[in-house]
Amino acid sequence: MDRKNGRISIKTVYAVTSLTAEQAAPVELASLIRDHWKVEALHPVRDVTFAEDASQLRTGTAPRAMATWRNLAIGALRLAGSTNIAAGLRHNARDARRPLAILGLT
């Protein structure tokens, strides 16, 4: 549904899988697609809020380690009820005890 005008539209989506027809029941395919988009939904947040694409980290395990820390921050803020990750980061940056409280470490 378009949030601006309230109109409903139908979208056809095609997917490629290595599953056989017997393995790929509609419910299973829908679950796989939803799981994929849960991961994909992190990329805009990481790119915009954390400027990940502008990162100078390019060698060794540093890029993967930083991606892990970013994912932890996003996940923790979402579990804490934050809908705006940038605002959640700013809020928690104001008091060093807040991030620890979110992680249950205080």
PDB file of N, CA and C in Angstrom:
ATOM      1  N   MET A   1       0.848  -1.170   0.000  1.00  0.00           N
ATOM      2  CA  MET A   1       0.000   0.000   0.000  1.00  0.00           C
ATOM      3  C   MET A   1       0.897   1.238   0.000  1.00  0.00           C
ATOM      4  N   ASP A   2       0.571   2.181  -0.854  1.00  0.00           N
ATOM      5  CA  ASP A   2       1.283   3.444  -0.914  1.00  0.00           C
ATOM      6  C   ASP A   2       0.834   4.307   0.257  1.00  0.00           C
ATOM      7  N   ARG A   3       1.759   4.682   1.106  1.00  0.00           N
ATOM      8  CA  ARG A   3       1.407   5.442   2.312  1.00  0.00           C
ATOM      9  C   ARG A   3       0.940   6.860   2.002  1.00  0.00           C
ATOM     10  N   LYS A   4       1.370   7.392   0.881  1.00  0.00           N
ATOM     11  CA  LYS A   4       0.996   8.770   0.539  1.00  0.00           C
ATOM     12  C   LYS A   4      -0.435   8.873   0.025  1.00  0.00           C
ATOM     13  N   ASN A   5      -0.814   7.943  -0.879  1.00  0.00           N
ATOM     14  CA  ASN A   5      -2.139   8.073  -1.481  1.00  0.00           C
ATOM     15  C   ASN A   5      -3.106   6.951  -1.096  1.00  0.00           C
ATOM     16  N   GLY A   6      -2.629   5.934  -0.333  1.00  0.00           N
ATOM     17  CA  GLY A   6      -3.504   4.874   0.136  1.00  0.00           C
ATOM     18  C   GLY A   6      -3.857   3.824  -0.897  1.00  0.00           C
ATOM     19  N   ARG A   7      -3.310   3.929  -2.110  1.00  0.00           N
ATOM     20  CA  ARG A   7      -3.620   2.957  -3.153  1.00  0.00           C
ATOM     21  C   ARG A   7      -2.834   1.669  -2.946  1.00  0.00           C
ATOM     22  N   ILE A   8      -3.479   0.572  -3.278  1.00  0.00           N
ATOM     23  CA  ILE A   8      -2.849  -0.741  -3.189  1.00  0.00           C
ATOM     24  C   ILE A   8      -2.371  -1.135  -4.575  1.00  0.00           C
ATOM     25  N   SER A   9      -1.145  -1.647  -4.639  1.00  0.00           N
ATOM     26  CA  SER A   9      -0.618  -2.113  -5.917  1.00  0.00           C
ATOM     27  C   SER A   9      -0.130  -3.548  -5.751  1.00  0.00           C
ATOM     28  N   ILE A  10      -0.036  -4.246  -6.859  1.00  0.00           N
ATOM     29  CA  ILE A  10       0.445  -5.618  -6.858  1.00  0.00           C
ATOM     30  C   ILE A  10       1.809  -5.629  -7.530  1.00  0.00           C
ATOM     31  N   LYS A  11       2.757  -6.297  -6.888  1.00  0.00           N
ATOM     32  CA  LYS A  11       4.104  -6.376  -7.422  1.00  0.00           C
ATOM     33  C   LYS A  11       4.462  -7.843  -7.598  1.00  0.00           C
ATOM     34  N   THR A  12       4.988  -8.183  -8.758  1.00  0.00           N
ATOM     35  CA  THR A  12       5.453  -9.537  -9.011  1.00  0.00           C
ATOM     36  C   THR A  12       6.954  -9.574  -8.765  1.00  0.00           C
ATOM     37  N   VAL A  13       7.384 -10.542  -7.962  1.00  0.00           N
ATOM     38  CA  VAL A  13       8.798 -10.677  -7.628  1.00  0.00           C
ATOM     39  C   VAL A  13       9.270 -12.051  -8.066  1.00  0.00           C
ATOM     40  N   TYR A  14      10.411 -12.095  -8.725  1.00  0.00           N
ATOM     41  CA  TYR A  14      10.992 -13.357  -9.157  1.00  0.00           C
ATOM     42  C   TYR A  14      12.217 -13.644  -8.301  1.00  0.00           C
ATOM     43  N   ALA A  15      12.421 -14.903  -7.968  1.00  0.00           N
ATOM     44  CA  ALA A  15      13.572 -15.300  -7.162  1.00  0.00           C
ATOM     45  C   ALA A  15      14.203 -16.544  -7.777  1.00  0.00           C
ATOM     46  N   VAL A  16      15.486 -16.688  -7.578  1.00  0.00           N
ATOM     47  CA  VAL A  16      16.218 -17.848  -8.066  1.00  0.00           C
ATOM     48  C   VAL A  16      16.690 -18.630  -6.851  1.00  0.00           C
ATOM     49  N   THR A  17      16.512 -19.932  -6.887  1.00  0.00           N
ATOM     50  CA  THR A  17      16.936 -20.779  -5.778  1.00  0.00           C
ATOM     51  C   THR A  17      17.511 -22.075  -6.308  1.00  0.00           C
ATOM     52  N   SER A  18      18.325 -22.713  -5.499  1.00  0.00           N
ATOM     53  CA  SER A  18      18.872 -24.016  -5.867  1.00  0.00           C
ATOM     54  C   SER A  18      17.999 -25.151  -5.327  1.00  0.00           C
ATOM     55  N   LEU A  19      16.920 -24.803  -4.638  1.00  0.00           N
ATOM     56  CA  LEU A  19      16.018 -25.815  -4.097  1.00  0.00           C
ATOM     57  C   LEU A  19      15.223 -26.484  -5.212  1.00  0.00           C
ATOM     58  N   THR A  20      14.890 -27.740  -5.009  1.00  0.00           N
ATOM     59  CA  THR A  20      14.026 -28.435  -5.965  1.00  0.00           C
ATOM     60  C   THR A  20      12.588 -27.992  -5.726  1.00  0.00           C
ATOM     61  N   ALA A  21      11.708 -28.340  -6.651  1.00  0.00           N
ATOM     62  CA  ALA A  21      10.297 -27.982  -6.500  1.00  0.00           C
ATOM     63  C   ALA A  21       9.704 -28.605  -5.246  1.00  0.00           C
ATOM     64  N   GLU A  22      10.174 -29.787  -4.898  1.00  0.00           N
ATOM     65  CA  GLU A  22       9.669 -30.450  -3.691  1.00  0.00           C
ATOM     66  C   GLU A  22      10.147 -29.743  -2.423  1.00  0.00           C
ATOM     67  N   GLN A  23      11.347 -29.198  -2.460  1.00  0.00           N
ATOM     68  CA  GLN A  23      11.911 -28.513  -1.294  1.00  0.00           C
ATOM     69  C   GLN A  23      11.407 -27.082  -1.161  1.00  0.00           C
ATOM     70  N   ALA A  24      10.948 -26.515  -2.254  1.00  0.00           N
ATOM     71  CA  ALA A  24      10.615 -25.097  -2.290  1.00  0.00           C
ATOM     72  C   ALA A  24       9.116 -24.860  -2.196  1.00  0.00           C
ATOM     73  N   ALA A  25       8.533 -25.226  -1.080  1.00  0.00           N
ATOM     74  CA  ALA A  25       7.116 -24.937  -0.865  1.00  0.00           C
ATOM     75  C   ALA A  25       6.950 -23.425  -0.713  1.00  0.00           C
ATOM     76  N   PRO A  26       5.789 -22.874  -1.079  1.00  0.00           N
ATOM     77  CA  PRO A  26       5.588 -21.427  -0.990  1.00  0.00           C
ATOM     78  C   PRO A  26       5.921 -20.841   0.383  1.00  0.00           C
ATOM     79  N   VAL A  27       5.555 -21.541   1.438  1.00  0.00           N
ATOM     80  CA  VAL A  27       5.837 -21.033   2.787  1.00  0.00           C
ATOM     81  C   VAL A  27       7.336 -20.949   3.030  1.00  0.00           C
ATOM     82  N   GLU A  28       8.065 -21.964   2.588  1.00  0.00           N
ATOM     83  CA  GLU A  28       9.514 -21.973   2.769  1.00  0.00           C
ATOM     84  C   GLU A  28      10.183 -20.890   1.940  1.00  0.00           C
ATOM     85  N   LEU A  29       9.731 -20.710   0.698  1.00  0.00           N
ATOM     86  CA  LEU A  29      10.283 -19.654  -0.144  1.00  0.00           C
ATOM     87  C   LEU A  29      10.037 -18.282   0.469  1.00  0.00           C
ATOM     88  N   ALA A  30       8.839 -18.052   0.963  1.00  0.00           N
ATOM     89  CA  ALA A  30       8.515 -16.766   1.584  1.00  0.00           C
ATOM     90  C   ALA A  30       9.412 -16.510   2.784  1.00  0.00           C
ATOM     91  N   SER A  31       9.661 -17.540   3.574  1.00  0.00           N
ATOM     92  CA  SER A  31      10.529 -17.403   4.748  1.00  0.00           C
ATOM     93  C   SER A  31      11.961 -17.066   4.335  1.00  0.00           C
ATOM     94  N   LEU A  32      12.462 -17.751   3.316  1.00  0.00           N
ATOM     95  CA  LEU A  32      13.816 -17.478   2.831  1.00  0.00           C
ATOM     96  C   LEU A  32      13.938 -16.046   2.311  1.00  0.00           C
ATOM     97  N   ILE A  33      12.942 -15.589   1.585  1.00  0.00           N
ATOM     98  CA  ILE A  33      12.975 -14.232   1.032  1.00  0.00           C
ATOM     99  C   ILE A  33      12.911 -13.196   2.154  1.00  0.00           C
ATOM    100  N   ARG A  34      12.042 -13.415   3.139  1.00  0.00           N
ATOM    101  CA  ARG A  34      11.957 -12.478   4.274  1.00  0.00           C
ATOM    102  C   ARG A  34      13.276 -12.428   5.031  1.00  0.00           C
ATOM    103  N   ASP A  35      13.902 -13.583   5.249  1.00  0.00           N
ATOM    104  CA  ASP A  35      15.184 -13.620   5.946  1.00  0.00           C
ATOM    105  C   ASP A  35      16.257 -12.865   5.168  1.00  0.00           C
ATOM    106  N   HIS A  36      16.233 -13.018   3.839  1.00  0.00           N
ATOM    107  CA  HIS A  36      17.200 -12.304   3.006  1.00  0.00           C
ATOM    108  C   HIS A  36      17.016 -10.793   3.149  1.00  0.00           C
ATOM    109  N   TRP A  37      15.783 -10.325   3.111  1.00  0.00           N
ATOM    110  CA  TRP A  37      15.554  -8.882   3.169  1.00  0.00           C
ATOM    111  C   TRP A  37      15.794  -8.310   4.554  1.00  0.00           C
ATOM    112  N   LYS A  38      15.738  -9.145   5.598  1.00  0.00           N
ATOM    113  CA  LYS A  38      16.122  -8.671   6.933  1.00  0.00           C
ATOM    114  C   LYS A  38      17.585  -8.262   6.922  1.00  0.00           C
ATOM    115  N   VAL A  39      18.413  -9.053   6.241  1.00  0.00           N
ATOM    116  CA  VAL A  39      19.835  -8.736   6.138  1.00  0.00           C
ATOM    117  C   VAL A  39      20.026  -7.511   5.248  1.00  0.00           C
ATOM    118  N   GLU A  40      19.357  -7.486   4.110  1.00  0.00           N
ATOM    119  CA  GLU A  40      19.497  -6.366   3.183  1.00  0.00           C
ATOM    120  C   GLU A  40      19.044  -5.043   3.805  1.00  0.00           C
ATOM    121  N   ALA A  41      18.100  -5.109   4.721  1.00  0.00           N
ATOM    122  CA  ALA A  41      17.592  -3.885   5.343  1.00  0.00           C
ATOM    123  C   ALA A  41      18.646  -3.193   6.187  1.00  0.00           C
ATOM    124  N   LEU A  42      19.688  -3.893   6.579  1.00  0.00           N
ATOM    125  CA  LEU A  42      20.766  -3.278   7.363  1.00  0.00           C
ATOM    126  C   LEU A  42      21.662  -2.380   6.513  1.00  0.00           C
ATOM    127  N   HIS A  43      21.779  -2.664   5.230  1.00  0.00           N
ATOM    128  CA  HIS A  43      22.737  -1.943   4.403  1.00  0.00           C
ATOM    129  C   HIS A  43      22.486  -0.444   4.323  1.00  0.00           C
ATOM    130  N   PRO A  44      21.263   0.019   4.087  1.00  0.00           N
ATOM    131  CA  PRO A  44      21.071   1.475   4.056  1.00  0.00           C
ATOM    132  C   PRO A  44      21.413   2.137   5.390  1.00  0.00           C
ATOM    133  N   VAL A  45      21.080   1.485   6.494  1.00  0.00           N
ATOM    134  CA  VAL A  45      21.396   2.052   7.803  1.00  0.00           C
ATOM    135  C   VAL A  45      22.904   2.123   7.976  1.00  0.00           C
ATOM    136  N   ARG A  46      23.594   1.051   7.624  1.00  0.00           N
ATOM    137  CA  ARG A  46      25.048   1.047   7.762  1.00  0.00           C
ATOM    138  C   ARG A  46      25.696   2.047   6.827  1.00  0.00           C
ATOM    139  N   ASP A  47      25.173   2.188   5.613  1.00  0.00           N
ATOM    140  CA  ASP A  47      25.764   3.120   4.664  1.00  0.00           C
ATOM    141  C   ASP A  47      25.513   4.573   5.051  1.00  0.00           C
ATOM    142  N   VAL A  48      24.288   4.901   5.418  1.00  0.00           N
ATOM    143  CA  VAL A  48      23.937   6.294   5.696  1.00  0.00           C
ATOM    144  C   VAL A  48      24.346   6.715   7.102  1.00  0.00           C
ATOM    145  N   THR A  49      23.945   5.962   8.103  1.00  0.00           N
ATOM    146  CA  THR A  49      24.181   6.359   9.487  1.00  0.00           C
ATOM    147  C   THR A  49      25.640   6.198   9.891  1.00  0.00           C
ATOM    148  N   PHE A  50      26.276   5.118   9.457  1.00  0.00           N
ATOM    149  CA  PHE A  50      27.661   4.863   9.848  1.00  0.00           C
ATOM    150  C   PHE A  50      28.674   5.215   8.757  1.00  0.00           C
ATOM    151  N   ALA A  51      28.203   5.706   7.606  1.00  0.00           N
ATOM    152  CA  ALA A  51      29.076   6.058   6.473  1.00  0.00           C
ATOM    153  C   ALA A  51      30.034   4.912   6.142  1.00  0.00           C
ATOM    154  N   GLU A  52      29.499   3.700   6.130  1.00  0.00           N
ATOM    155  CA  GLU A  52      30.332   2.520   5.928  1.00  0.00           C
ATOM    156  C   GLU A  52      31.044   2.541   4.575  1.00  0.00           C
ATOM    157  N   ASP A  53      30.391   3.034   3.550  1.00  0.00           N
ATOM    158  CA  ASP A  53      31.022   3.054   2.226  1.00  0.00           C
ATOM    159  C   ASP A  53      32.230   3.981   2.184  1.00  0.00           C
ATOM    160  N   ALA A  54      32.289   4.979   3.060  1.00  0.00           N
ATOM    161  CA  ALA A  54      33.407   5.915   3.096  1.00  0.00           C
ATOM    162  C   ALA A  54      34.535   5.442   4.009  1.00  0.00           C
ATOM    163  N   SER A  55      34.358   4.286   4.635  1.00  0.00           N
ATOM    164  CA  SER A  55      35.356   3.780   5.583  1.00  0.00           C
ATOM    165  C   SER A  55      36.711   3.579   4.909  1.00  0.00           C
ATOM    166  N   GLN A  56      37.754   3.904   5.628  1.00  0.00           N
ATOM    167  CA  GLN A  56      39.120   3.712   5.129  1.00  0.00           C
ATOM    168  C   GLN A  56      39.677   2.339   5.518  1.00  0.00           C
ATOM    169  N   LEU A  57      38.925   1.579   6.292  1.00  0.00           N
ATOM    170  CA  LEU A  57      39.387   0.250   6.695  1.00  0.00           C
ATOM    171  C   LEU A  57      39.265  -0.697   5.513  1.00  0.00           C
ATOM    172  N   ARG A  58      40.397  -1.247   5.070  1.00  0.00           N
ATOM    173  CA  ARG A  58      40.373  -2.088   3.881  1.00  0.00           C
ATOM    174  C   ARG A  58      41.161  -3.389   4.040  1.00  0.00           C
ATOM    175  N   THR A  59      41.953  -3.512   5.106  1.00  0.00           N
ATOM    176  CA  THR A  59      42.853  -4.659   5.186  1.00  0.00           C
ATOM    177  C   THR A  59      42.521  -5.566   6.361  1.00  0.00           C
ATOM    178  N   GLY A  60      42.946  -6.801   6.222  1.00  0.00           N
ATOM    179  CA  GLY A  60      42.790  -7.763   7.302  1.00  0.00           C
ATOM    180  C   GLY A  60      41.336  -7.992   7.673  1.00  0.00           C
ATOM    181  N   THR A  61      41.103  -8.201   8.951  1.00  0.00           N
ATOM    182  CA  THR A  61      39.753  -8.461   9.436  1.00  0.00           C
ATOM    183  C   THR A  61      39.052  -7.204   9.946  1.00  0.00           C
ATOM    184  N   ALA A  62      39.711  -6.052   9.823  1.00  0.00           N
ATOM    185  CA  ALA A  62      39.124  -4.811  10.332  1.00  0.00           C
ATOM    186  C   ALA A  62      37.760  -4.485   9.719  1.00  0.00           C
ATOM    187  N   PRO A  63      37.576  -4.592   8.396  1.00  0.00           N
ATOM    188  CA  PRO A  63      36.244  -4.287   7.841  1.00  0.00           C
ATOM    189  C   PRO A  63      35.152  -5.193   8.400  1.00  0.00           C
ATOM    190  N   ARG A  64      35.446  -6.484   8.531  1.00  0.00           N
ATOM    191  CA  ARG A  64      34.456  -7.422   9.061  1.00  0.00           C
ATOM    192  C   ARG A  64      34.182  -7.136  10.536  1.00  0.00           C
ATOM    193  N   ALA A  65      35.220  -6.826  11.290  1.00  0.00           N
ATOM    194  CA  ALA A  65      35.042  -6.520  12.715  1.00  0.00           C
ATOM    195  C   ALA A  65      34.173  -5.279  12.896  1.00  0.00           C
ATOM    196  N   MET A  66      34.426  -4.251  12.108  1.00  0.00           N
ATOM    197  CA  MET A  66      33.620  -3.033  12.234  1.00  0.00           C
ATOM    198  C   MET A  66      32.178  -3.281  11.803  1.00  0.00           C
ATOM    199  N   ALA A  67      31.973  -4.083  10.763  1.00  0.00           N
ATOM    200  CA  ALA A  67      30.609  -4.421  10.350  1.00  0.00           C
ATOM    201  C   ALA A  67      29.882  -5.161  11.471  1.00  0.00           C
ATOM    202  N   THR A  68      30.604  -6.015  12.175  1.00  0.00           N
ATOM    203  CA  THR A  68      30.016  -6.743  13.302  1.00  0.00           C
ATOM    204  C   THR A  68      29.608  -5.779  14.405  1.00  0.00           C
ATOM    205  N   TRP A  69      30.475  -4.825  14.743  1.00  0.00           N
ATOM    206  CA  TRP A  69      30.157  -3.832  15.781  1.00  0.00           C
ATOM    207  C   TRP A  69      28.958  -2.970  15.364  1.00  0.00           C
ATOM    208  N   ARG A  70      28.915  -2.603  14.085  1.00  0.00           N
ATOM    209  CA  ARG A  70      27.778  -1.798  13.599  1.00  0.00           C
ATOM    210  C   ARG A  70      26.478  -2.593  13.698  1.00  0.00           C
ATOM    211  N   ASN A  71      26.536  -3.860  13.299  1.00  0.00           N
ATOM    212  CA  ASN A  71      25.341  -4.706  13.396  1.00  0.00           C
ATOM    213  C   ASN A  71      24.896  -4.874  14.835  1.00  0.00           C
ATOM    214  N   LEU A  72      25.844  -5.008  15.753  1.00  0.00           N
ATOM    215  CA  LEU A  72      25.512  -5.109  17.173  1.00  0.00           C
ATOM    216  C   LEU A  72      24.800  -3.842  17.640  1.00  0.00           C
ATOM    217  N   ALA A  73      25.333  -2.694  17.252  1.00  0.00           N
ATOM    218  CA  ALA A  73      24.718  -1.428  17.659  1.00  0.00           C
ATOM    219  C   ALA A  73      23.301  -1.302  17.103  1.00  0.00           C
ATOM    220  N   ILE A  74      23.130  -1.623  15.830  1.00  0.00           N
ATOM    221  CA  ILE A  74      21.804  -1.538  15.205  1.00  0.00           C
ATOM    222  C   ILE A  74      20.836  -2.495  15.879  1.00  0.00           C
ATOM    223  N   GLY A  75      21.263  -3.737  16.065  1.00  0.00           N
ATOM    224  CA  GLY A  75      20.397  -4.736  16.694  1.00  0.00           C
ATOM    225  C   GLY A  75      20.024  -4.376  18.119  1.00  0.00           C
ATOM    226  N   ALA A  76      20.996  -3.904  18.890  1.00  0.00           N
ATOM    227  CA  ALA A  76      20.722  -3.528  20.282  1.00  0.00           C
ATOM    228  C   ALA A  76      19.750  -2.352  20.353  1.00  0.00           C
ATOM    229  N   LEU A  77      19.947  -1.370  19.491  1.00  0.00           N
ATOM    230  CA  LEU A  77      19.040  -0.215  19.496  1.00  0.00           C
ATOM    231  C   LEU A  77      17.628  -0.619  19.070  1.00  0.00           C
ATOM    232  N   ARG A  78      17.530  -1.494  18.087  1.00  0.00           N
ATOM    233  CA  ARG A  78      16.197  -1.943  17.660  1.00  0.00           C
ATOM    234  C   ARG A  78      15.511  -2.744  18.754  1.00  0.00           C
ATOM    235  N   LEU A  79      16.264  -3.618  19.430  1.00  0.00           N
ATOM    236  CA  LEU A  79      15.677  -4.384  20.538  1.00  0.00           C
ATOM    237  C   LEU A  79      15.234  -3.466  21.674  1.00  0.00           C
ATOM    238  N   ALA A  80      15.922  -2.352  21.817  1.00  0.00           N
ATOM    239  CA  ALA A  80      15.574  -1.386  22.863  1.00  0.00           C
ATOM    240  C   ALA A  80      14.406  -0.495  22.437  1.00  0.00           C
ATOM    241  N   GLY A  81      13.906  -0.704  21.222  1.00  0.00           N
ATOM    242  CA  GLY A  81      12.738   0.045  20.763  1.00  0.00           C
ATOM    243  C   GLY A  81      13.040   1.257  19.921  1.00  0.00           C
ATOM    244  N   SER A  82      14.287   1.464  19.566  1.00  0.00           N
ATOM    245  CA  SER A  82      14.647   2.623  18.751  1.00  0.00           C
ATOM    246  C   SER A  82      14.226   2.388  17.308  1.00  0.00           C
ATOM    247  N   THR A  83      13.481   3.322  16.743  1.00  0.00           N
ATOM    248  CA  THR A  83      13.076   3.214  15.344  1.00  0.00           C
ATOM    249  C   THR A  83      13.970   4.061  14.445  1.00  0.00           C
ATOM    250  N   ASN A  84      14.649   5.024  15.024  1.00  0.00           N
ATOM    251  CA  ASN A  84      15.582   5.869  14.288  1.00  0.00           C
ATOM    252  C   ASN A  84      16.969   5.597  14.857  1.00  0.00           C
ATOM    253  N   ILE A  85      17.781   4.865  14.103  1.00  0.00           N
ATOM    254  CA  ILE A  85      19.086   4.434  14.610  1.00  0.00           C
ATOM    255  C   ILE A  85      19.999   5.629  14.852  1.00  0.00           C
ATOM    256  N   ALA A  86      20.001   6.607  13.963  1.00  0.00           N
ATOM    257  CA  ALA A  86      20.859   7.782  14.160  1.00  0.00           C
ATOM    258  C   ALA A  86      20.493   8.509  15.450  1.00  0.00           C
ATOM    259  N   ALA A  87      19.206   8.696  15.697  1.00  0.00           N
ATOM    260  CA  ALA A  87      18.773   9.354  16.932  1.00  0.00           C
ATOM    261  C   ALA A  87      19.132   8.509  18.148  1.00  0.00           C
ATOM    262  N   GLY A  88      19.000   7.201  18.032  1.00  0.00           N
ATOM    263  CA  GLY A  88      19.366   6.308  19.124  1.00  0.00           C
ATOM    264  C   GLY A  88      20.849   6.375  19.443  1.00  0.00           C
ATOM    265  N   LEU A  89      21.673   6.467  18.402  1.00  0.00           N
ATOM    266  CA  LEU A  89      23.112   6.602  18.614  1.00  0.00           C
ATOM    267  C   LEU A  89      23.442   7.912  19.326  1.00  0.00           C
ATOM    268  N   ARG A  90      22.827   9.001  18.867  1.00  0.00           N
ATOM    269  CA  ARG A  90      23.077  10.304  19.515  1.00  0.00           C
ATOM    270  C   ARG A  90      22.645  10.273  20.970  1.00  0.00           C
ATOM    271  N   HIS A  91      21.474   9.720  21.236  1.00  0.00           N
ATOM    272  CA  HIS A  91      20.960   9.644  22.600  1.00  0.00           C
ATOM    273  C   HIS A  91      21.921   8.868  23.505  1.00  0.00           C
ATOM    274  N   ASN A  92      22.398   7.738  23.026  1.00  0.00           N
ATOM    275  CA  ASN A  92      23.279   6.903  23.837  1.00  0.00           C
ATOM    276  C   ASN A  92      24.690   7.466  23.949  1.00  0.00           C
ATOM    277  N   ALA A  93      25.095   8.282  23.003  1.00  0.00           N
ATOM    278  CA  ALA A  93      26.434   8.878  23.060  1.00  0.00           C
ATOM    279  C   ALA A  93      26.541   9.935  24.152  1.00  0.00           C
ATOM    280  N   ARG A  94      25.421  10.438  24.617  1.00  0.00           N
ATOM    281  CA  ARG A  94      25.429  11.503  25.631  1.00  0.00           C
ATOM    282  C   ARG A  94      25.749  11.000  27.032  1.00  0.00           C
ATOM    283  N   ASP A  95      25.629   9.708  27.243  1.00  0.00           N
ATOM    284  CA  ASP A  95      25.876   9.137  28.568  1.00  0.00           C
ATOM    285  C   ASP A  95      26.465   7.741  28.376  1.00  0.00           C
ATOM    286  N   ALA A  96      27.696   7.549  28.801  1.00  0.00           N
ATOM    287  CA  ALA A  96      28.402   6.284  28.572  1.00  0.00           C
ATOM    288  C   ALA A  96      27.720   5.090  29.231  1.00  0.00           C
ATOM    289  N   ARG A  97      26.841   5.329  30.192  1.00  0.00           N
ATOM    290  CA  ARG A  97      26.164   4.207  30.862  1.00  0.00           C
ATOM    291  C   ARG A  97      24.986   3.681  30.040  1.00  0.00           C
ATOM    292  N   ARG A  98      24.439   4.482  29.158  1.00  0.00           N
ATOM    293  CA  ARG A  98      23.259   4.062  28.390  1.00  0.00           C
ATOM    294  C   ARG A  98      23.517   2.846  27.511  1.00  0.00           C
ATOM    295  N   PRO A  99      24.605   2.830  26.705  1.00  0.00           N
ATOM    296  CA  PRO A  99      24.825   1.634  25.886  1.00  0.00           C
ATOM    297  C   PRO A  99      25.016   0.381  26.723  1.00  0.00           C
ATOM    298  N   LEU A 100      25.673   0.518  27.862  1.00  0.00           N
ATOM    299  CA  LEU A 100      25.865  -0.637  28.738  1.00  0.00           C
ATOM    300  C   LEU A 100      24.537  -1.133  29.278  1.00  0.00           C
ATOM    301  N   ALA A 101      23.634  -0.204  29.587  1.00  0.00           N
ATOM    302  CA  ALA A 101      22.318  -0.582  30.083  1.00  0.00           C
ATOM    303  C   ALA A 101      21.518  -1.320  29.007  1.00  0.00           C
ATOM    304  N   ILE A 102      21.610  -0.861  27.771  1.00  0.00           N
ATOM    305  CA  ILE A 102      20.910  -1.527  26.670  1.00  0.00           C
ATOM    306  C   ILE A 102      21.386  -2.971  26.546  1.00  0.00           C
ATOM    307  N   LEU A 103      22.686  -3.179  26.746  1.00  0.00           N
ATOM    308  CA  LEU A 103      23.267  -4.524  26.619  1.00  0.00           C
ATOM    309  C   LEU A 103      23.125  -5.343  27.893  1.00  0.00           C
ATOM    310  N   GLY A 104      22.512  -4.750  28.926  1.00  0.00           N
ATOM    311  CA  GLY A 104      22.304  -5.458  30.191  1.00  0.00           C
ATOM    312  C   GLY A 104      23.582  -5.614  31.003  1.00  0.00           C
ATOM    313  N   LEU A 105      24.505  -4.685  30.843  1.00  0.00           N
ATOM    314  CA  LEU A 105      25.806  -4.777  31.506  1.00  0.00           C
ATOM    315  C   LEU A 105      25.935  -3.828  32.704  1.00  0.00           C
ATOM    316  N   THR A 106      24.848  -3.246  33.147  1.00  0.00           N
ATOM    317  CA  THR A 106      24.944  -2.373  34.340  1.00  0.00           C
ATOM    318  C   THR A 106      24.014  -2.852  35.414  1.00  0.00           C
TER     319      THR A 106
END
